[in-house]
Amino acid sequence: MNAPQPLAARLQLPRRYRVVHADADGRAAALRLRRAVFCEEQGLFAGDDADDIDRHALTLIARPLAEPAAGPGPVVGTVRIHRLAPRVWQGSRLAVAADFRRVGAIGGALIQLAVRSANTLGCDRFVAQVQARNVPLFERLHWRSVEALELHGQPHHLMEADLAHYPAFAAGEAMQVELQRGG
């Protein structure tokens, strides 16, 4: 399912992306992407991965930047964040569309916006339950494994972000992240 794309297909991927807090349409698109990744592709959930957390979580999405007249591009990545306890936040359901994983920076940009947003809203600790195969990515992004565990029959790690690497947004600064892939 995750075979490398031919060079021609990789060259056609957009070069610029914006990661933002989702509106209602973005949240619906994020749920569709999560269903494709976690239910259809990975088989972690039967039919749907939505849960009670979705009712109060903040959903973040990544879209290719397009000309304004073209309207918003498709949602190609998502993550949700929610408050677990006073000043403790959790990120979950990080997903990037299969065709866009080779961009190599969308997941990292989603993580950056997630932790910086929580830090802006008041955060002393930010955690996530990360699939074991993604631990190296999180470690490169200044996270540490706190505990190995199993969720949905798969190995995971409870990980914690080093908040010093994720500063809060300044007053008046847009809570968004833009990225441009190389090449």
Foldseek 3Di string as FASTA:
>chain_A
DLPDDPPVLVVPDAFKKKKAFDDPVRLVLLQVQLCCPCCVPVNLDPRGDDDPVVVAKTKMFMFHDDDVVVPTHGTFWIKIKDAPDQQEMEIDSTGGHSSCVVLPCPSVQNVLLRLQASVQVHHPKYKYWAFPVCVVVVVVQAKDFDAWDDDSNGITTIIIHPCVSRHHDDVPDHSMDMGGGDD
